[in-house]
PDB file of N, CA and C in Angstrom:
ATOM      1  N   ASN A   1     109.359  90.934 101.209  1.00  0.00           N
ATOM      2  CA  ASN A   1     109.414  92.417 101.557  1.00  0.00           C
ATOM      3  C   ASN A   1     107.995  92.972 101.175  1.00  0.00           C
ATOM      4  N   TYR A   2     107.431  93.644 102.068  1.00  0.00           N
ATOM      5  CA  TYR A   2     106.046  94.209 101.886  1.00  0.00           C
ATOM      6  C   TYR A   2     105.962  95.116 100.581  1.00  0.00           C
ATOM      7  N   SER A   3     106.944  96.064 100.551  1.00  0.00           N
ATOM      8  CA  SER A   3     106.877  97.044  99.411  1.00  0.00           C
ATOM      9  C   SER A   3     106.991  96.422  98.073  1.00  0.00           C
ATOM     10  N   HIS A   4     107.875  95.345  98.043  1.00  0.00           N
ATOM     11  CA  HIS A   4     108.070  94.667  96.771  1.00  0.00           C
ATOM     12  C   HIS A   4     106.718  93.838  96.385  1.00  0.00           C
ATOM     13  N   HIS A   5     106.165  93.243  97.291  1.00  0.00           N
ATOM     14  CA  HIS A   5     104.832  92.518  96.934  1.00  0.00           C
ATOM     15  C   HIS A   5     103.813  93.510  96.652  1.00  0.00           C
ATOM     16  N   MET A   6     103.767  94.651  97.324  1.00  0.00           N
ATOM     17  CA  MET A   6     102.704  95.709  96.956  1.00  0.00           C
ATOM     18  C   MET A   6     102.963  96.239  95.563  1.00  0.00           C
ATOM     19  N   ARG A   7     104.246  96.434  95.177  1.00  0.00           N
ATOM     20  CA  ARG A   7     104.526  96.988  93.880  1.00  0.00           C
ATOM     21  C   ARG A   7     104.213  95.946  92.816  1.00  0.00           C
ATOM     22  N   MET A   8     104.512  94.652  93.034  1.00  0.00           N
ATOM     23  CA  MET A   8     104.182  93.591  92.043  1.00  0.00           C
ATOM     24  C   MET A   8     102.663  93.478  91.906  1.00  0.00           C
ATOM     25  N   SER A   9     101.958  93.603  93.037  1.00  0.00           N
ATOM     26  CA  SER A   9     100.460  93.394  92.971  1.00  0.00           C
ATOM     27  C   SER A   9      99.945  94.565  92.147  1.00  0.00           C
ATOM     28  N   LEU A  10     100.398  95.793  92.440  1.00  0.00           N
ATOM     29  CA  LEU A  10      99.853  96.950  91.723  1.00  0.00           C
ATOM     30  C   LEU A  10     100.230  96.899  90.176  1.00  0.00           C
ATOM     31  N   ASP A  11     101.397  96.393  89.846  1.00  0.00           N
ATOM     32  CA  ASP A  11     101.777  96.216  88.493  1.00  0.00           C
ATOM     33  C   ASP A  11     100.935  95.255  87.747  1.00  0.00           C
ATOM     34  N   ILE A  12     100.612  94.131  88.366  1.00  0.00           N
ATOM     35  CA  ILE A  12      99.755  93.168  87.817  1.00  0.00           C
ATOM     36  C   ILE A  12      98.354  93.638  87.553  1.00  0.00           C
ATOM     37  N   LEU A  13      97.859  94.432  88.611  1.00  0.00           N
ATOM     38  CA  LEU A  13      96.525  94.947  88.563  1.00  0.00           C
ATOM     39  C   LEU A  13      96.466  96.048  87.417  1.00  0.00           C
ATOM     40  N   TYR A  14      97.568  96.742  87.286  1.00  0.00           N
ATOM     41  CA  TYR A  14      97.553  97.838  86.171  1.00  0.00           C
ATOM     42  C   TYR A  14      97.572  97.142  84.818  1.00  0.00           C
ATOM     43  N   LYS A  15      98.328  96.040  84.683  1.00  0.00           N
ATOM     44  CA  LYS A  15      98.434  95.324  83.448  1.00  0.00           C
ATOM     45  C   LYS A  15      97.085  94.688  83.006  1.00  0.00           C
ATOM     46  N   GLU A  16      96.332  94.181  83.978  1.00  0.00           N
ATOM     47  CA  GLU A  16      95.129  93.461  83.741  1.00  0.00           C
ATOM     48  C   GLU A  16      93.880  94.386  83.609  1.00  0.00           C
ATOM     49  N   VAL A  17      93.858  95.369  84.503  1.00  0.00           N
ATOM     50  CA  VAL A  17      92.824  96.363  84.561  1.00  0.00           C
ATOM     51  C   VAL A  17      93.352  97.754  84.672  1.00  0.00           C
ATOM     52  N   PRO A  18      93.866  98.325  83.576  1.00  0.00           N
ATOM     53  CA  PRO A  18      94.473  99.600  83.606  1.00  0.00           C
ATOM     54  C   PRO A  18      93.650 100.784  84.067  1.00  0.00           C
ATOM     55  N   ARG A  19      92.351 100.695  83.917  1.00  0.00           N
ATOM     56  CA  ARG A  19      91.575 101.815  84.363  1.00  0.00           C
ATOM     57  C   ARG A  19      90.987 101.702  85.747  1.00  0.00           C
ATOM     58  N   ALA A  20      91.384 100.744  86.485  1.00  0.00           N
ATOM     59  CA  ALA A  20      90.918 100.567  87.770  1.00  0.00           C
ATOM     60  C   ALA A  20      91.511 101.690  88.758  1.00  0.00           C
ATOM     61  N   ILE A  21      90.612 102.145  89.728  1.00  0.00           N
ATOM     62  CA  ILE A  21      91.113 103.059  90.678  1.00  0.00           C
ATOM     63  C   ILE A  21      91.444 102.207  91.965  1.00  0.00           C
ATOM     64  N   VAL A  22      92.681 102.336  92.395  1.00  0.00           N
ATOM     65  CA  VAL A  22      93.062 101.630  93.574  1.00  0.00           C
ATOM     66  C   VAL A  22      93.332 102.553  94.781  1.00  0.00           C
ATOM     67  N   ASN A  23      92.826 102.334  95.843  1.00  0.00           N
ATOM     68  CA  ASN A  23      93.056 103.196  97.085  1.00  0.00           C
ATOM     69  C   ASN A  23      93.826 102.322  98.077  1.00  0.00           C
ATOM     70  N   VAL A  24      95.074 102.818  98.250  1.00  0.00           N
ATOM     71  CA  VAL A  24      95.866 102.079  99.199  1.00  0.00           C
ATOM     72  C   VAL A  24      95.932 102.905 100.548  1.00  0.00           C
ATOM     73  N   LEU A  25      95.565 102.313 101.646  1.00  0.00           N
ATOM     74  CA  LEU A  25      95.424 102.930 102.911  1.00  0.00           C
ATOM     75  C   LEU A  25      96.306 102.219 103.939  1.00  0.00           C
ATOM     76  N   GLU A  26      96.781 102.940 104.938  1.00  0.00           N
ATOM     77  CA  GLU A  26      97.528 102.369 105.944  1.00  0.00           C
ATOM     78  C   GLU A  26      96.515 101.778 106.968  1.00  0.00           C
ATOM     79  N   ILE A  27      97.089 100.889 107.855  1.00  0.00           N
ATOM     80  CA  ILE A  27      96.172 100.357 108.943  1.00  0.00           C
ATOM     81  C   ILE A  27      95.919 101.378 109.963  1.00  0.00           C
ATOM     82  N   LEU A  28      94.586 101.333 110.308  1.00  0.00           N
ATOM     83  CA  LEU A  28      94.127 102.298 111.349  1.00  0.00           C
ATOM     84  C   LEU A  28      94.629 102.010 112.683  1.00  0.00           C
ATOM     85  N   GLU A  29      95.245 102.998 113.318  1.00  0.00           N
ATOM     86  CA  GLU A  29      95.701 102.855 114.726  1.00  0.00           C
ATOM     87  C   GLU A  29      94.489 102.983 115.650  1.00  0.00           C
ATOM     88  N   ILE A  30      94.178 101.984 116.450  1.00  0.00           N
ATOM     89  CA  ILE A  30      93.027 102.042 117.210  1.00  0.00           C
ATOM     90  C   ILE A  30      93.330 102.323 118.736  1.00  0.00           C
ATOM     91  N   GLU A  31      94.553 102.541 119.031  1.00  0.00           N
ATOM     92  CA  GLU A  31      95.066 102.675 120.414  1.00  0.00           C
ATOM     93  C   GLU A  31      94.222 103.797 121.114  1.00  0.00           C
ATOM     94  N   GLY A  32      94.087 104.896 120.389  1.00  0.00           N
ATOM     95  CA  GLY A  32      93.314 105.977 120.976  1.00  0.00           C
ATOM     96  C   GLY A  32      91.809 105.738 121.194  1.00  0.00           C
ATOM     97  N   LEU A  33      91.271 104.868 120.440  1.00  0.00           N
ATOM     98  CA  LEU A  33      89.859 104.444 120.625  1.00  0.00           C
ATOM     99  C   LEU A  33      89.670 103.595 121.981  1.00  0.00           C
ATOM    100  N   ARG A  34      90.683 102.875 122.247  1.00  0.00           N
ATOM    101  CA  ARG A  34      90.607 102.027 123.434  1.00  0.00           C
ATOM    102  C   ARG A  34      90.525 102.856 124.754  1.00  0.00           C
ATOM    103  N   ARG A  35      91.056 104.113 124.615  1.00  0.00           N
ATOM    104  CA  ARG A  35      91.010 104.978 125.834  1.00  0.00           C
ATOM    105  C   ARG A  35      89.652 105.741 126.010  1.00  0.00           C
ATOM    106  N   ILE A  36      88.822 105.618 124.996  1.00  0.00           N
ATOM    107  CA  ILE A  36      87.460 106.195 125.107  1.00  0.00           C
ATOM    108  C   ILE A  36      86.552 105.183 125.855  1.00  0.00           C
ATOM    109  N   LYS A  37      85.962 105.593 126.953  1.00  0.00           N
ATOM    110  CA  LYS A  37      85.050 104.674 127.662  1.00  0.00           C
ATOM    111  C   LYS A  37      83.731 104.741 126.918  1.00  0.00           C
ATOM    112  N   SER A  38      83.065 103.552 126.909  1.00  0.00           N
ATOM    113  CA  SER A  38      81.858 103.400 126.170  1.00  0.00           C
ATOM    114  C   SER A  38      80.725 104.336 126.716  1.00  0.00           C
ATOM    115  N   ASP A  39      80.724 104.826 127.895  1.00  0.00           N
ATOM    116  CA  ASP A  39      79.729 105.694 128.421  1.00  0.00           C
ATOM    117  C   ASP A  39      80.151 107.096 128.470  1.00  0.00           C
ATOM    118  N   SER A  40      81.259 107.476 127.811  1.00  0.00           N
ATOM    119  CA  SER A  40      81.764 108.888 127.831  1.00  0.00           C
ATOM    120  C   SER A  40      81.124 109.707 126.706  1.00  0.00           C
ATOM    121  N   LEU A  41      81.297 110.991 126.824  1.00  0.00           N
ATOM    122  CA  LEU A  41      80.788 111.911 125.898  1.00  0.00           C
ATOM    123  C   LEU A  41      81.507 111.739 124.482  1.00  0.00           C
ATOM    124  N   GLY A  42      82.797 111.493 124.528  1.00  0.00           N
ATOM    125  CA  GLY A  42      83.553 111.304 123.347  1.00  0.00           C
ATOM    126  C   GLY A  42      83.070 110.168 122.485  1.00  0.00           C
ATOM    127  N   CYS A  43      82.724 109.048 123.200  1.00  0.00           N
ATOM    128  CA  CYS A  43      82.180 107.889 122.611  1.00  0.00           C
ATOM    129  C   CYS A  43      80.913 108.130 121.903  1.00  0.00           C
ATOM    130  N   LYS A  44      80.054 108.778 122.507  1.00  0.00           N
ATOM    131  CA  LYS A  44      78.665 109.229 122.060  1.00  0.00           C
ATOM    132  C   LYS A  44      78.835 110.061 120.886  1.00  0.00           C
ATOM    133  N   LEU A  45      79.769 111.018 120.842  1.00  0.00           N
ATOM    134  CA  LEU A  45      79.876 111.941 119.757  1.00  0.00           C
ATOM    135  C   LEU A  45      80.453 111.170 118.525  1.00  0.00           C
ATOM    136  N   ILE A  46      81.372 110.277 118.777  1.00  0.00           N
ATOM    137  CA  ILE A  46      81.922 109.462 117.630  1.00  0.00           C
ATOM    138  C   ILE A  46      80.791 108.553 116.997  1.00  0.00           C
ATOM    139  N   GLN A  47      80.013 107.909 117.836  1.00  0.00           N
ATOM    140  CA  GLN A  47      78.954 107.098 117.389  1.00  0.00           C
ATOM    141  C   GLN A  47      77.857 107.773 116.599  1.00  0.00           C
ATOM    142  N   LYS A  48      77.688 109.104 116.827  1.00  0.00           N
ATOM    143  CA  LYS A  48      76.629 109.792 116.118  1.00  0.00           C
ATOM    144  C   LYS A  48      77.034 110.005 114.627  1.00  0.00           C
ATOM    145  N   GLN A  49      78.324 109.996 114.362  1.00  0.00           N
ATOM    146  CA  GLN A  49      78.753 110.309 112.980  1.00  0.00           C
ATOM    147  C   GLN A  49      78.519 109.272 112.052  1.00  0.00           C
TER     148      GLN A  49
END
């Protein structure tokens, strides 16, 4: 179970390194990026950032 393993991992990390900052992020959905053509204005604006 994903949540169980995540909880165990965070508990172990907290026990070993209690002052560590852990940033847990979800996986980025890239479906919208596939719709942007490489020669489009949207793609050029995203690449400038």
